Amino acid sequence: MPGDEVIRIMCPNLGCQRVLAVPSSARGKLVRCRGCGSNIRIPANRPTDSGPSSQASQQAPAQQQHKPAA
């Protein structure tokens, strides 16, 4: 079920860096790390896939346009 999904996020405190497992219902909210007490905002949306393969496919057409005509 989508409501039972768990989000894993690392505490941004460099002295802690504990991995927290929070329910998906916590998206967009602040949670407190049990290890160090830091407040962490859980991202509201899922991260999009913007890996190197996506960037390469966007750059390829631009490179083809700049080739000189033979």
Protein backbone atom coordinates (compact mmCIF):
# COMPACT_ATOMS: atom_id res chain seq x y z
CA MET A 1 0.00 0.00 0.00
CA PRO A 2 1.30 3.51 -0.79
CA GLY A 3 0.43 4.78 2.69
CA ASP A 4 2.80 2.24 4.25
CA GLU A 5 5.82 3.44 2.27
CA VAL A 6 8.91 4.32 4.30
CA ILE A 7 11.29 7.15 3.44
CA ARG A 8 14.94 6.71 4.42
CA ILE A 9 16.88 9.92 4.94
CA MET A 10 20.28 10.62 6.48
CA CYS A 11 20.61 13.14 9.30
CA PRO A 12 22.47 16.18 7.90
CA ASN A 13 24.36 16.67 11.18
CA LEU A 14 27.96 15.67 10.35
CA GLY A 15 28.49 14.40 13.89
CA CYS A 16 25.47 12.07 13.63
CA GLN A 17 24.60 11.06 10.04
CA ARG A 18 22.13 8.47 11.31
CA VAL A 19 19.76 6.98 8.72
CA LEU A 20 16.15 7.68 9.70
CA ALA A 21 13.15 5.70 8.48
CA VAL A 22 10.03 7.87 8.46
CA PRO A 23 6.54 7.18 7.06
CA SER A 24 5.61 8.73 3.72
CA SER A 25 2.95 10.75 5.56
CA ALA A 26 5.83 12.85 6.96
CA ARG A 27 6.57 14.41 3.52
CA GLY A 28 6.90 18.20 3.82
CA LYS A 29 7.11 18.07 7.63
CA LEU A 30 9.86 18.50 10.21
CA VAL A 31 11.05 15.44 12.10
CA ARG A 32 13.56 15.24 14.92
CA CYS A 33 16.57 12.93 14.77
CA ARG A 34 16.56 10.63 17.79
CA GLY A 35 20.35 10.44 17.70
CA CYS A 36 21.26 14.13 17.98
CA GLY A 37 17.98 16.06 18.21
CA SER A 38 18.42 17.94 14.91
CA ASN A 39 15.28 19.02 13.06
CA ILE A 40 15.13 17.63 9.52
CA ARG A 41 12.63 18.67 6.84
CA ILE A 42 11.43 15.69 4.83
CA PRO A 43 11.19 16.57 1.10
CA ALA A 44 7.58 17.06 -0.06
CA ASN A 45 8.10 15.35 -3.42
CA ARG A 46 10.08 12.37 -4.59
CA PRO A 47 13.41 13.28 -6.17
CA THR A 48 13.33 13.17 -9.97
CA ASP A 49 15.76 11.05 -11.97
CA SER A 50 18.21 13.58 -13.38
CA GLY A 51 21.20 11.28 -13.74
CA PRO A 52 24.04 11.64 -16.22
CA SER A 53 22.15 9.69 -18.90
CA SER A 54 19.37 12.30 -18.92
CA GLN A 55 21.86 15.14 -19.26
CA ALA A 56 23.76 13.39 -22.06
CA SER A 57 20.60 12.89 -24.11
CA GLN A 58 19.77 16.59 -23.76
CA GLN A 59 23.27 17.67 -24.87
CA ALA A 60 23.50 15.37 -27.89
CA PRO A 61 21.12 17.34 -30.18
CA ALA A 62 22.91 20.60 -29.36
CA GLN A 63 26.24 19.13 -30.42
CA GLN A 64 24.82 17.93 -33.74
CA GLN A 65 23.58 21.43 -34.65
CA HIS A 66 27.05 22.97 -34.38
CA LYS A 67 28.73 20.65 -36.91
CA PRO A 68 29.91 22.47 -40.01
CA ALA A 69 28.28 21.46 -43.29
CA ALA A 70 30.55 19.48 -45.61
